[in-house]
């Protein structure tokens, strides 16, 4: 990998909450999608906002919240997605990540997967 490629990459962790409108209505913590299929987008956003508030106010650590609550399999790594470049993630996710400074946490980001909060880590 050339250094110019690496220079254009970012690294992020996220917390994903799936809901009725998500592309995939199941996750590692809800394999049959019982909860997800009855979760509205609004309910998912409310839950995510509460989790985000706990992180911002230092009541909880991002990686601990991700490993307990995120519907993404990255939960097992504390939400860490590793490094990625342009065109590898869904556009709203990518744009939000590139707009953050390292250590900064996004507002709610909507994608086909569900609702996310993203922390840029690199």
PDB file of N, CA and C in Angstrom:
ATOM      1  N   UNK A   1       0.853  -1.193   0.000  1.00  0.00           N
ATOM      2  CA  UNK A   1       0.000   0.000   0.000  1.00  0.00           C
ATOM      3  C   UNK A   1       0.887   1.242   0.000  1.00  0.00           C
ATOM      4  N   UNK A   2       0.651   2.136  -0.925  1.00  0.00           N
ATOM      5  CA  UNK A   2       1.464   3.347  -0.977  1.00  0.00           C
ATOM      6  C   UNK A   2       1.051   4.286   0.148  1.00  0.00           C
ATOM      7  N   UNK A   3       1.963   5.151   0.536  1.00  0.00           N
ATOM      8  CA  UNK A   3       1.671   6.036   1.662  1.00  0.00           C
ATOM      9  C   UNK A   3       0.541   7.009   1.310  1.00  0.00           C
ATOM     10  N   UNK A   4       0.404   7.322   0.016  1.00  0.00           N
ATOM     11  CA  UNK A   4      -0.676   8.241  -0.351  1.00  0.00           C
ATOM     12  C   UNK A   4      -2.047   7.597  -0.100  1.00  0.00           C
ATOM     13  N   UNK A   5      -2.139   6.283  -0.303  1.00  0.00           N
ATOM     14  CA  UNK A   5      -3.400   5.589  -0.027  1.00  0.00           C
ATOM     15  C   UNK A   5      -3.688   5.626   1.465  1.00  0.00           C
ATOM     16  N   UNK A   6      -2.667   5.287   2.253  1.00  0.00           N
ATOM     17  CA  UNK A   6      -2.831   5.265   3.704  1.00  0.00           C
ATOM     18  C   UNK A   6      -3.202   6.662   4.220  1.00  0.00           C
ATOM     19  N   UNK A   7      -2.612   7.678   3.612  1.00  0.00           N
ATOM     20  CA  UNK A   7      -2.860   9.046   4.068  1.00  0.00           C
ATOM     21  C   UNK A   7      -4.323   9.437   3.877  1.00  0.00           C
ATOM     22  N   UNK A   8      -4.979   8.828   2.898  1.00  0.00           N
ATOM     23  CA  UNK A   8      -6.372   9.187   2.623  1.00  0.00           C
ATOM     24  C   UNK A   8      -7.359   8.337   3.415  1.00  0.00           C
ATOM     25  N   UNK A   9      -6.846   7.429   4.241  1.00  0.00           N
ATOM     26  CA  UNK A   9      -7.744   6.580   5.005  1.00  0.00           C
ATOM     27  C   UNK A   9      -8.082   7.201   6.351  1.00  0.00           C
ATOM     28  N   UNK A  10      -9.199   6.787   6.871  1.00  0.00           N
ATOM     29  CA  UNK A  10      -9.593   7.179   8.215  1.00  0.00           C
ATOM     30  C   UNK A  10      -9.824   5.893   9.001  1.00  0.00           C
ATOM     31  N   UNK A  11      -9.933   6.022  10.305  1.00  0.00           N
ATOM     32  CA  UNK A  11     -10.285   4.868  11.125  1.00  0.00           C
ATOM     33  C   UNK A  11     -11.396   5.310  12.061  1.00  0.00           C
ATOM     34  N   UNK A  12     -12.349   4.421  12.265  1.00  0.00           N
ATOM     35  CA  UNK A  12     -13.482   4.804  13.098  1.00  0.00           C
ATOM     36  C   UNK A  12     -14.039   3.611  13.855  1.00  0.00           C
ATOM     37  N   UNK A  13     -14.720   3.946  14.940  1.00  0.00           N
ATOM     38  CA  UNK A  13     -15.533   2.981  15.667  1.00  0.00           C
ATOM     39  C   UNK A  13     -16.965   3.491  15.597  1.00  0.00           C
ATOM     40  N   UNK A  14     -17.923   2.571  15.704  1.00  0.00           N
ATOM     41  CA  UNK A  14     -19.308   3.044  15.664  1.00  0.00           C
ATOM     42  C   UNK A  14     -20.195   2.170  16.537  1.00  0.00           C
ATOM     43  N   UNK A  15     -21.368   2.726  16.796  1.00  0.00           N
ATOM     44  CA  UNK A  15     -22.434   1.980  17.460  1.00  0.00           C
ATOM     45  C   UNK A  15     -23.609   2.021  16.498  1.00  0.00           C
ATOM     46  N   UNK A  16     -24.089   0.846  16.135  1.00  0.00           N
ATOM     47  CA  UNK A  16     -25.201   0.727  15.192  1.00  0.00           C
ATOM     48  C   UNK A  16     -26.422   0.188  15.922  1.00  0.00           C
ATOM     49  N   UNK A  17     -27.554   0.827  15.715  1.00  0.00           N
ATOM     50  CA  UNK A  17     -28.820   0.282  16.193  1.00  0.00           C
ATOM     51  C   UNK A  17     -29.680   0.006  14.952  1.00  0.00           C
ATOM     52  N   UNK A  18     -30.019  -1.248  14.748  1.00  0.00           N
ATOM     53  CA  UNK A  18     -30.895  -1.634  13.644  1.00  0.00           C
ATOM     54  C   UNK A  18     -32.345  -1.330  14.000  1.00  0.00           C
ATOM     55  N   UNK A  19     -33.165  -1.147  12.976  1.00  0.00           N
ATOM     56  CA  UNK A  19     -34.598  -0.898  13.189  1.00  0.00           C
ATOM     57  C   UNK A  19     -35.385  -1.489  12.027  1.00  0.00           C
ATOM     58  N   UNK A  20     -36.693  -1.303  12.065  1.00  0.00           N
ATOM     59  CA  UNK A  20     -37.596  -1.886  11.048  1.00  0.00           C
ATOM     60  C   UNK A  20     -37.181  -1.550   9.628  1.00  0.00           C
ATOM     61  N   UNK A  21     -36.619  -0.372   9.430  1.00  0.00           N
ATOM     62  CA  UNK A  21     -36.243   0.064   8.089  1.00  0.00           C
ATOM     63  C   UNK A  21     -34.854  -0.390   7.676  1.00  0.00           C
ATOM     64  N   UNK A  22     -34.158  -1.103   8.546  1.00  0.00           N
ATOM     65  CA  UNK A  22     -32.795  -1.539   8.231  1.00  0.00           C
ATOM     66  C   UNK A  22     -32.803  -2.594   7.144  1.00  0.00           C
ATOM     67  N   UNK A  23     -31.741  -2.593   6.370  1.00  0.00           N
ATOM     68  CA  UNK A  23     -31.570  -3.564   5.291  1.00  0.00           C
ATOM     69  C   UNK A  23     -31.572  -4.983   5.859  1.00  0.00           C
ATOM     70  N   UNK A  24     -30.903  -5.156   7.001  1.00  0.00           N
ATOM     71  CA  UNK A  24     -30.824  -6.466   7.634  1.00  0.00           C
ATOM     72  C   UNK A  24     -31.530  -6.390   8.973  1.00  0.00           C
ATOM     73  N   UNK A  25     -32.574  -7.188   9.136  1.00  0.00           N
ATOM     74  CA  UNK A  25     -33.365  -7.086  10.359  1.00  0.00           C
ATOM     75  C   UNK A  25     -32.981  -8.160  11.371  1.00  0.00           C
ATOM     76  N   UNK A  26     -31.681  -8.396  11.503  1.00  0.00           N
ATOM     77  CA  UNK A  26     -31.177  -9.338  12.505  1.00  0.00           C
ATOM     78  C   UNK A  26     -29.755  -8.916  12.826  1.00  0.00           C
ATOM     79  N   UNK A  27     -29.245  -9.358  13.964  1.00  0.00           N
ATOM     80  CA  UNK A  27     -27.862  -9.057  14.320  1.00  0.00           C
ATOM     81  C   UNK A  27     -27.358 -10.124  15.271  1.00  0.00           C
ATOM     82  N   UNK A  28     -26.102 -10.030  15.628  1.00  0.00           N
ATOM     83  CA  UNK A  28     -25.501 -11.016  16.532  1.00  0.00           C
ATOM     84  C   UNK A  28     -26.251 -11.089  17.861  1.00  0.00           C
ATOM     85  N   UNK A  29     -26.825  -9.960  18.294  1.00  0.00           N
ATOM     86  CA  UNK A  29     -27.507 -10.009  19.590  1.00  0.00           C
ATOM     87  C   UNK A  29     -29.009 -10.238  19.446  1.00  0.00           C
ATOM     88  N   UNK A  30     -29.490 -10.226  18.225  1.00  0.00           N
ATOM     89  CA  UNK A  30     -30.916 -10.465  17.956  1.00  0.00           C
ATOM     90  C   UNK A  30     -31.012 -11.291  16.670  1.00  0.00           C
ATOM     91  N   UNK A  31     -30.523 -12.554  16.709  1.00  0.00           N
ATOM     92  CA  UNK A  31     -30.388 -13.347  15.474  1.00  0.00           C
ATOM     93  C   UNK A  31     -31.690 -13.570  14.727  1.00  0.00           C
ATOM     94  N   UNK A  32     -32.792 -13.608  15.445  1.00  0.00           N
ATOM     95  CA  UNK A  32     -34.071 -13.806  14.759  1.00  0.00           C
ATOM     96  C   UNK A  32     -34.773 -12.489  14.459  1.00  0.00           C
ATOM     97  N   UNK A  33     -34.174 -11.400  14.877  1.00  0.00           N
ATOM     98  CA  UNK A  33     -34.723 -10.080  14.562  1.00  0.00           C
ATOM     99  C   UNK A  33     -36.016  -9.755  15.297  1.00  0.00           C
ATOM    100  N   UNK A  34     -36.238 -10.418  16.419  1.00  0.00           N
ATOM    101  CA  UNK A  34     -37.497 -10.169  17.152  1.00  0.00           C
ATOM    102  C   UNK A  34     -37.597  -8.729  17.642  1.00  0.00           C
ATOM    103  N   UNK A  35     -36.500  -8.223  18.188  1.00  0.00           N
ATOM    104  CA  UNK A  35     -36.501  -6.852  18.704  1.00  0.00           C
ATOM    105  C   UNK A  35     -36.420  -5.864  17.545  1.00  0.00           C
ATOM    106  N   UNK A  36     -35.495  -6.142  16.629  1.00  0.00           N
ATOM    107  CA  UNK A  36     -35.256  -5.211  15.516  1.00  0.00           C
ATOM    108  C   UNK A  36     -36.523  -4.989  14.690  1.00  0.00           C
ATOM    109  N   UNK A  37     -37.269  -6.063  14.428  1.00  0.00           N
ATOM    110  CA  UNK A  37     -38.439  -5.918  13.554  1.00  0.00           C
ATOM    111  C   UNK A  37     -39.565  -5.116  14.205  1.00  0.00           C
ATOM    112  N   UNK A  38     -39.476  -4.902  15.521  1.00  0.00           N
ATOM    113  CA  UNK A  38     -40.510  -4.079  16.177  1.00  0.00           C
ATOM    114  C   UNK A  38     -39.959  -2.719  16.608  1.00  0.00           C
ATOM    115  N   UNK A  39     -38.693  -2.453  16.296  1.00  0.00           N
ATOM    116  CA  UNK A  39     -38.066  -1.185  16.679  1.00  0.00           C
ATOM    117  C   UNK A  39     -38.255  -0.150  15.586  1.00  0.00           C
ATOM    118  N   UNK A  40     -38.890   0.970  15.912  1.00  0.00           N
ATOM    119  CA  UNK A  40     -39.041   2.048  14.931  1.00  0.00           C
ATOM    120  C   UNK A  40     -37.720   2.810  14.826  1.00  0.00           C
ATOM    121  N   UNK A  41     -37.575   3.568  13.755  1.00  0.00           N
ATOM    122  CA  UNK A  41     -36.376   4.402  13.618  1.00  0.00           C
ATOM    123  C   UNK A  41     -36.296   5.374  14.785  1.00  0.00           C
ATOM    124  N   UNK A  42     -37.440   5.973  15.156  1.00  0.00           N
ATOM    125  CA  UNK A  42     -37.456   6.939  16.259  1.00  0.00           C
ATOM    126  C   UNK A  42     -36.969   6.317  17.567  1.00  0.00           C
ATOM    127  N   UNK A  43     -37.405   5.084  17.821  1.00  0.00           N
ATOM    128  CA  UNK A  43     -36.981   4.395  19.050  1.00  0.00           C
ATOM    129  C   UNK A  43     -35.480   4.109  19.009  1.00  0.00           C
ATOM    130  N   UNK A  44     -34.983   3.724  17.835  1.00  0.00           N
ATOM    131  CA  UNK A  44     -33.552   3.456  17.676  1.00  0.00           C
ATOM    132  C   UNK A  44     -32.742   4.735  17.909  1.00  0.00           C
ATOM    133  N   UNK A  45     -33.231   5.842  17.352  1.00  0.00           N
ATOM    134  CA  UNK A  45     -32.555   7.136  17.530  1.00  0.00           C
ATOM    135  C   UNK A  45     -32.558   7.537  19.005  1.00  0.00           C
ATOM    136  N   UNK A  46     -33.692   7.356  19.679  1.00  0.00           N
ATOM    137  CA  UNK A  46     -33.775   7.710  21.103  1.00  0.00           C
ATOM    138  C   UNK A  46     -32.769   6.914  21.924  1.00  0.00           C
ATOM    139  N   UNK A  47     -32.689   5.623  21.653  1.00  0.00           N
ATOM    140  CA  UNK A  47     -31.746   4.778  22.387  1.00  0.00           C
ATOM    141  C   UNK A  47     -30.309   5.234  22.127  1.00  0.00           C
ATOM    142  N   UNK A  48     -30.018   5.504  20.870  1.00  0.00           N
ATOM    143  CA  UNK A  48     -28.673   5.916  20.495  1.00  0.00           C
ATOM    144  C   UNK A  48     -28.310   7.260  21.130  1.00  0.00           C
ATOM    145  N   UNK A  49     -29.272   8.183  21.193  1.00  0.00           N
ATOM    146  CA  UNK A  49     -29.011   9.494  21.809  1.00  0.00           C
ATOM    147  C   UNK A  49     -28.662   9.332  23.287  1.00  0.00           C
ATOM    148  N   UNK A  50     -29.382   8.460  23.977  1.00  0.00           N
ATOM    149  CA  UNK A  50     -29.088   8.221  25.389  1.00  0.00           C
ATOM    150  C   UNK A  50     -27.691   7.624  25.556  1.00  0.00           C
ATOM    151  N   UNK A  51     -27.354   6.668  24.703  1.00  0.00           N
ATOM    152  CA  UNK A  51     -26.026   6.062  24.766  1.00  0.00           C
ATOM    153  C   UNK A  51     -24.947   7.106  24.483  1.00  0.00           C
ATOM    154  N   UNK A  52     -25.195   7.938  23.481  1.00  0.00           N
ATOM    155  CA  UNK A  52     -24.247   9.000  23.125  1.00  0.00           C
ATOM    156  C   UNK A  52     -24.060   9.993  24.257  1.00  0.00           C
ATOM    157  N   UNK A  53     -25.156  10.337  24.934  1.00  0.00           N
ATOM    158  CA  UNK A  53     -25.077  11.266  26.070  1.00  0.00           C
ATOM    159  C   UNK A  53     -24.202  10.691  27.177  1.00  0.00           C
ATOM    160  N   UNK A  54     -24.358   9.396  27.432  1.00  0.00           N
ATOM    161  CA  UNK A  54     -23.541   8.738  28.462  1.00  0.00           C
ATOM    162  C   UNK A  54     -22.058   8.780  28.108  1.00  0.00           C
ATOM    163  N   UNK A  55     -21.763   8.631  26.827  1.00  0.00           N
ATOM    164  CA  UNK A  55     -20.365   8.652  26.385  1.00  0.00           C
ATOM    165  C   UNK A  55     -19.795  10.068  26.505  1.00  0.00           C
ATOM    166  N   UNK A  56     -20.550  11.041  26.006  1.00  0.00           N
ATOM    167  CA  UNK A  56     -20.085  12.435  26.018  1.00  0.00           C
ATOM    168  C   UNK A  56     -19.901  12.942  27.451  1.00  0.00           C
ATOM    169  N   UNK A  57     -20.768  12.499  28.355  1.00  0.00           N
ATOM    170  CA  UNK A  57     -20.657  12.951  29.749  1.00  0.00           C
ATOM    171  C   UNK A  57     -19.722  12.061  30.583  1.00  0.00           C
ATOM    172  N   UNK A  58     -19.008  11.172  29.893  1.00  0.00           N
ATOM    173  CA  UNK A  58     -18.037  10.274  30.538  1.00  0.00           C
ATOM    174  C   UNK A  58     -18.634   9.294  31.550  1.00  0.00           C
ATOM    175  N   UNK A  59     -19.938   9.031  31.428  1.00  0.00           N
ATOM    176  CA  UNK A  59     -20.553   8.005  32.277  1.00  0.00           C
ATOM    177  C   UNK A  59     -20.230   6.620  31.733  1.00  0.00           C
ATOM    178  N   UNK A  60     -19.874   6.566  30.460  1.00  0.00           N
ATOM    179  CA  UNK A  60     -19.593   5.275  29.823  1.00  0.00           C
ATOM    180  C   UNK A  60     -18.518   5.475  28.758  1.00  0.00           C
ATOM    181  N   UNK A  61     -17.767   4.415  28.488  1.00  0.00           N
ATOM    182  CA  UNK A  61     -16.736   4.457  27.452  1.00  0.00           C
ATOM    183  C   UNK A  61     -17.331   3.970  26.129  1.00  0.00           C
ATOM    184  N   UNK A  62     -16.918   4.615  25.046  1.00  0.00           N
ATOM    185  CA  UNK A  62     -17.457   4.291  23.722  1.00  0.00           C
ATOM    186  C   UNK A  62     -17.356   2.796  23.427  1.00  0.00           C
ATOM    187  N   UNK A  63     -16.165   2.213  23.648  1.00  0.00           N
ATOM    188  CA  UNK A  63     -15.977   0.808  23.278  1.00  0.00           C
ATOM    189  C   UNK A  63     -16.831  -0.133  24.124  1.00  0.00           C
ATOM    190  N   UNK A  64     -17.057   0.228  25.386  1.00  0.00           N
ATOM    191  CA  UNK A  64     -17.894  -0.622  26.242  1.00  0.00           C
ATOM    192  C   UNK A  64     -19.360  -0.562  25.807  1.00  0.00           C
ATOM    193  N   UNK A  65     -19.813   0.637  25.463  1.00  0.00           N
ATOM    194  CA  UNK A  65     -21.194   0.806  24.985  1.00  0.00           C
ATOM    195  C   UNK A  65     -21.367   0.045  23.670  1.00  0.00           C
ATOM    196  N   UNK A  66     -20.399   0.182  22.776  1.00  0.00           N
ATOM    197  CA  UNK A  66     -20.464  -0.516  21.485  1.00  0.00           C
ATOM    198  C   UNK A  66     -20.536  -2.022  21.691  1.00  0.00           C
ATOM    199  N   UNK A  67     -19.706  -2.549  22.570  1.00  0.00           N
ATOM    200  CA  UNK A  67     -19.685  -4.012  22.705  1.00  0.00           C
ATOM    201  C   UNK A  67     -20.965  -4.550  23.330  1.00  0.00           C
ATOM    202  N   UNK A  68     -21.677  -3.718  24.075  1.00  0.00           N
ATOM    203  CA  UNK A  68     -22.943  -4.175  24.663  1.00  0.00           C
ATOM    204  C   UNK A  68     -24.156  -3.935  23.777  1.00  0.00           C
ATOM    205  N   UNK A  69     -24.172  -2.801  23.080  1.00  0.00           N
ATOM    206  CA  UNK A  69     -25.408  -2.377  22.425  1.00  0.00           C
ATOM    207  C   UNK A  69     -25.395  -2.372  20.904  1.00  0.00           C
ATOM    208  N   UNK A  70     -24.211  -2.330  20.281  1.00  0.00           N
ATOM    209  CA  UNK A  70     -24.185  -2.198  18.829  1.00  0.00           C
ATOM    210  C   UNK A  70     -24.677  -3.470  18.153  1.00  0.00           C
ATOM    211  N   UNK A  71     -25.472  -3.297  17.100  1.00  0.00           N
ATOM    212  CA  UNK A  71     -25.955  -4.432  16.318  1.00  0.00           C
ATOM    213  C   UNK A  71     -24.920  -4.889  15.285  1.00  0.00           C
ATOM    214  N   UNK A  72     -23.851  -4.153  15.122  1.00  0.00           N
ATOM    215  CA  UNK A  72     -22.814  -4.532  14.156  1.00  0.00           C
ATOM    216  C   UNK A  72     -21.893  -5.576  14.778  1.00  0.00           C
ATOM    217  N   UNK A  73     -21.370  -6.478  13.950  1.00  0.00           N
ATOM    218  CA  UNK A  73     -20.434  -7.483  14.471  1.00  0.00           C
ATOM    219  C   UNK A  73     -19.146  -6.842  14.989  1.00  0.00           C
ATOM    220  N   UNK A  74     -18.900  -5.572  14.613  1.00  0.00           N
ATOM    221  CA  UNK A  74     -17.727  -4.855  15.146  1.00  0.00           C
ATOM    222  C   UNK A  74     -17.851  -4.635  16.656  1.00  0.00           C
ATOM    223  N   UNK A  75     -19.029  -4.888  17.211  1.00  0.00           N
ATOM    224  CA  UNK A  75     -19.227  -4.777  18.665  1.00  0.00           C
ATOM    225  C   UNK A  75     -18.182  -5.599  19.412  1.00  0.00           C
ATOM    226  N   UNK A  76     -17.813  -6.737  18.831  1.00  0.00           N
ATOM    227  CA  UNK A  76     -16.836  -7.622  19.480  1.00  0.00           C
ATOM    228  C   UNK A  76     -15.461  -6.963  19.580  1.00  0.00           C
ATOM    229  N   UNK A  77     -15.247  -5.913  18.790  1.00  0.00           N
ATOM    230  CA  UNK A  77     -13.987  -5.150  18.848  1.00  0.00           C
ATOM    231  C   UNK A  77     -14.234  -3.758  19.420  1.00  0.00           C
ATOM    232  N   UNK A  78     -15.270  -3.616  20.209  1.00  0.00           N
ATOM    233  CA  UNK A  78     -15.587  -2.313  20.790  1.00  0.00           C
ATOM    234  C   UNK A  78     -16.048  -1.309  19.758  1.00  0.00           C
ATOM    235  N   UNK A  79     -16.570  -1.829  18.647  1.00  0.00           N
ATOM    236  CA  UNK A  79     -17.083  -0.946  17.592  1.00  0.00           C
ATOM    237  C   UNK A  79     -16.059  -0.571  16.534  1.00  0.00           C
ATOM    238  N   UNK A  80     -14.820  -1.038  16.702  1.00  0.00           N
ATOM    239  CA  UNK A  80     -13.747  -0.645  15.784  1.00  0.00           C
ATOM    240  C   UNK A  80     -13.938  -1.256  14.399  1.00  0.00           C
ATOM    241  N   UNK A  81     -13.969  -0.407  13.388  1.00  0.00           N
ATOM    242  CA  UNK A  81     -14.106  -0.855  11.999  1.00  0.00           C
ATOM    243  C   UNK A  81     -12.761  -0.935  11.295  1.00  0.00           C
ATOM    244  N   UNK A  82     -11.709  -0.488  11.954  1.00  0.00           N
ATOM    245  CA  UNK A  82     -10.400  -0.464  11.310  1.00  0.00           C
ATOM    246  C   UNK A  82     -10.317   0.680  10.306  1.00  0.00           C
ATOM    247  N   UNK A  83      -9.202   0.771   9.588  1.00  0.00           N
ATOM    248  CA  UNK A  83      -9.029   1.851   8.620  1.00  0.00           C
ATOM    249  C   UNK A  83      -9.819   1.591   7.334  1.00  0.00           C
ATOM    250  N   UNK A  84     -10.322   2.631   6.742  1.00  0.00           N
ATOM    251  CA  UNK A  84     -11.002   2.511   5.453  1.00  0.00           C
ATOM    252  C   UNK A  84     -10.827   3.791   4.657  1.00  0.00           C
ATOM    253  N   UNK A  85     -11.001   3.650   3.352  1.00  0.00           N
ATOM    254  CA  UNK A  85     -10.856   4.795   2.459  1.00  0.00           C
ATOM    255  C   UNK A  85     -12.191   5.172   1.849  1.00  0.00           C
ATOM    256  N   UNK A  86     -12.157   6.134   0.966  1.00  0.00           N
ATOM    257  CA  UNK A  86     -13.365   6.572   0.261  1.00  0.00           C
ATOM    258  C   UNK A  86     -13.939   5.408  -0.549  1.00  0.00           C
ATOM    259  N   UNK A  87     -15.261   5.314  -0.582  1.00  0.00           N
ATOM    260  CA  UNK A  87     -15.918   4.315  -1.407  1.00  0.00           C
ATOM    261  C   UNK A  87     -16.060   2.943  -0.761  1.00  0.00           C
ATOM    262  N   UNK A  88     -15.623   2.794   0.481  1.00  0.00           N
ATOM    263  CA  UNK A  88     -15.707   1.487   1.134  1.00  0.00           C
ATOM    264  C   UNK A  88     -16.919   1.363   2.056  1.00  0.00           C
ATOM    265  N   UNK A  89     -17.441   2.485   2.501  1.00  0.00           N
ATOM    266  CA  UNK A  89     -18.592   2.487   3.410  1.00  0.00           C
ATOM    267  C   UNK A  89     -19.770   3.152   2.709  1.00  0.00           C
ATOM    268  N   UNK A  90     -20.954   3.000   3.289  1.00  0.00           N
ATOM    269  CA  UNK A  90     -22.096   3.724   2.734  1.00  0.00           C
ATOM    270  C   UNK A  90     -21.798   5.221   2.828  1.00  0.00           C
ATOM    271  N   UNK A  91     -22.236   5.959   1.802  1.00  0.00           N
ATOM    272  CA  UNK A  91     -21.866   7.372   1.647  1.00  0.00           C
ATOM    273  C   UNK A  91     -22.135   8.228   2.890  1.00  0.00           C
ATOM    274  N   UNK A  92     -23.319   8.151   3.518  1.00  0.00           N
ATOM    275  CA  UNK A  92     -23.542   9.010   4.692  1.00  0.00           C
ATOM    276  C   UNK A  92     -22.550   8.702   5.827  1.00  0.00           C
ATOM    277  N   UNK A  93     -22.202   7.423   5.963  1.00  0.00           N
ATOM    278  CA  UNK A  93     -21.259   7.004   7.007  1.00  0.00           C
ATOM    279  C   UNK A  93     -19.870   7.552   6.702  1.00  0.00           C
ATOM    280  N   UNK A  94     -19.480   7.387   5.446  1.00  0.00           N
ATOM    281  CA  UNK A  94     -18.170   7.884   5.001  1.00  0.00           C
ATOM    282  C   UNK A  94     -18.068   9.388   5.194  1.00  0.00           C
ATOM    283  N   UNK A  95     -19.065  10.123   4.714  1.00  0.00           N
ATOM    284  CA  UNK A  95     -19.036  11.587   4.811  1.00  0.00           C
ATOM    285  C   UNK A  95     -18.940  12.037   6.266  1.00  0.00           C
ATOM    286  N   UNK A  96     -19.745  11.419   7.125  1.00  0.00           N
ATOM    287  CA  UNK A  96     -19.740  11.798   8.542  1.00  0.00           C
ATOM    288  C   UNK A  96     -18.361  11.555   9.156  1.00  0.00           C
ATOM    289  N   UNK A  97     -17.758  10.412   8.822  1.00  0.00           N
ATOM    290  CA  UNK A  97     -16.456  10.071   9.405  1.00  0.00           C
ATOM    291  C   UNK A  97     -15.382  11.052   8.953  1.00  0.00           C
ATOM    292  N   UNK A  98     -15.355  11.349   7.656  1.00  0.00           N
ATOM    293  CA  UNK A  98     -14.343  12.269   7.131  1.00  0.00           C
ATOM    294  C   UNK A  98     -14.528  13.690   7.664  1.00  0.00           C
ATOM    295  N   UNK A  99     -15.729  14.033   8.090  1.00  0.00           N
ATOM    296  CA  UNK A  99     -15.989  15.369   8.622  1.00  0.00           C
ATOM    297  C   UNK A  99     -15.648  15.514  10.102  1.00  0.00           C
ATOM    298  N   UNK A 100     -15.343  14.387  10.756  1.00  0.00           N
ATOM    299  CA  UNK A 100     -14.994  14.439  12.179  1.00  0.00           C
ATOM    300  C   UNK A 100     -13.497  14.651  12.353  1.00  0.00           C
ATOM    301  N   UNK A 101     -13.132  15.267  13.453  1.00  0.00           N
ATOM    302  CA  UNK A 101     -11.729  15.278  13.861  1.00  0.00           C
ATOM    303  C   UNK A 101     -11.473  14.012  14.667  1.00  0.00           C
ATOM    304  N   UNK A 102     -10.220  13.608  14.765  1.00  0.00           N
ATOM    305  CA  UNK A 102      -9.886  12.418  15.544  1.00  0.00           C
ATOM    306  C   UNK A 102     -10.317  12.633  16.998  1.00  0.00           C
ATOM    307  N   UNK A 103     -11.020  11.640  17.530  1.00  0.00           N
ATOM    308  CA  UNK A 103     -11.515  11.723  18.911  1.00  0.00           C
ATOM    309  C   UNK A 103     -12.908  12.308  19.020  1.00  0.00           C
ATOM    310  N   UNK A 104     -13.412  12.838  17.916  1.00  0.00           N
ATOM    311  CA  UNK A 104     -14.730  13.468  17.905  1.00  0.00           C
ATOM    312  C   UNK A 104     -15.821  12.434  17.622  1.00  0.00           C
ATOM    313  N   UNK A 105     -17.007  12.693  18.157  1.00  0.00           N
ATOM    314  CA  UNK A 105     -18.139  11.772  17.989  1.00  0.00           C
ATOM    315  C   UNK A 105     -19.230  12.471  17.185  1.00  0.00           C
ATOM    316  N   UNK A 106     -19.796  11.728  16.238  1.00  0.00           N
ATOM    317  CA  UNK A 106     -20.817  12.295  15.341  1.00  0.00           C
ATOM    318  C   UNK A 106     -22.167  12.420  16.030  1.00  0.00           C
ATOM    319  N   UNK A 107     -23.044  13.168  15.379  1.00  0.00           N
ATOM    320  CA  UNK A 107     -24.470  13.112  15.708  1.00  0.00           C
ATOM    321  C   UNK A 107     -24.988  11.800  15.121  1.00  0.00           C
ATOM    322  N   UNK A 108     -26.299  11.625  15.154  1.00  0.00           N
ATOM    323  CA  UNK A 108     -26.920  10.431  14.580  1.00  0.00           C
ATOM    324  C   UNK A 108     -26.712  10.427  13.062  1.00  0.00           C
ATOM    325  N   UNK A 109     -26.256   9.300  12.537  1.00  0.00           N
ATOM    326  CA  UNK A 109     -26.053   9.141  11.094  1.00  0.00           C
ATOM    327  C   UNK A 109     -26.960   7.999  10.621  1.00  0.00           C
ATOM    328  N   UNK A 110     -27.773   8.280   9.603  1.00  0.00           N
ATOM    329  CA  UNK A 110     -28.683   7.286   9.027  1.00  0.00           C
ATOM    330  C   UNK A 110     -28.049   6.617   7.819  1.00  0.00           C
ATOM    331  N   UNK A 111     -28.086   5.273   7.771  1.00  0.00           N
ATOM    332  CA  UNK A 111     -27.708   4.551   6.548  1.00  0.00           C
ATOM    333  C   UNK A 111     -28.745   3.447   6.330  1.00  0.00           C
ATOM    334  N   UNK A 112     -28.561   2.691   5.257  1.00  0.00           N
ATOM    335  CA  UNK A 112     -29.455   1.556   5.006  1.00  0.00           C
ATOM    336  C   UNK A 112     -29.343   0.502   6.105  1.00  0.00           C
ATOM    337  N   UNK A 113     -28.243   0.521   6.844  1.00  0.00           N
ATOM    338  CA  UNK A 113     -28.037  -0.470   7.909  1.00  0.00           C
ATOM    339  C   UNK A 113     -28.811  -0.125   9.176  1.00  0.00           C
ATOM    340  N   UNK A 114     -29.035   1.160   9.404  1.00  0.00           N
ATOM    341  CA  UNK A 114     -29.706   1.591  10.633  1.00  0.00           C
ATOM    342  C   UNK A 114     -29.200   2.962  11.030  1.00  0.00           C
ATOM    343  N   UNK A 115     -29.204   3.237  12.337  1.00  0.00           N
ATOM    344  CA  UNK A 115     -28.696   4.523  12.817  1.00  0.00           C
ATOM    345  C   UNK A 115     -27.395   4.281  13.584  1.00  0.00           C
ATOM    346  N   UNK A 116     -26.463   5.212  13.414  1.00  0.00           N
ATOM    347  CA  UNK A 116     -25.132   5.057  13.986  1.00  0.00           C
ATOM    348  C   UNK A 116     -24.730   6.314  14.750  1.00  0.00           C
ATOM    349  N   UNK A 117     -23.825   6.135  15.728  1.00  0.00           N
ATOM    350  CA  UNK A 117     -22.949   7.231  16.122  1.00  0.00           C
ATOM    351  C   UNK A 117     -21.542   6.728  15.866  1.00  0.00           C
ATOM    352  N   UNK A 118     -20.730   7.641  15.385  1.00  0.00           N
ATOM    353  CA  UNK A 118     -19.398   7.302  14.907  1.00  0.00           C
ATOM    354  C   UNK A 118     -18.357   8.092  15.707  1.00  0.00           C
ATOM    355  N   UNK A 119     -17.302   7.419  16.087  1.00  0.00           N
ATOM    356  CA  UNK A 119     -16.166   8.116  16.687  1.00  0.00           C
ATOM    357  C   UNK A 119     -14.967   7.903  15.763  1.00  0.00           C
ATOM    358  N   UNK A 120     -14.415   9.008  15.294  1.00  0.00           N
ATOM    359  CA  UNK A 120     -13.219   8.885  14.445  1.00  0.00           C
ATOM    360  C   UNK A 120     -12.011   8.635  15.350  1.00  0.00           C
ATOM    361  N   UNK A 121     -11.266   7.605  15.028  1.00  0.00           N
ATOM    362  CA  UNK A 121     -10.128   7.235  15.875  1.00  0.00           C
ATOM    363  C   UNK A 121      -8.783   7.388  15.166  1.00  0.00           C
ATOM    364  N   UNK A 122      -8.824   7.660  13.870  1.00  0.00           N
ATOM    365  CA  UNK A 122      -7.563   7.830  13.146  1.00  0.00           C
ATOM    366  C   UNK A 122      -7.789   8.397  11.779  1.00  0.00           C
TER     367      UNK A 122
END
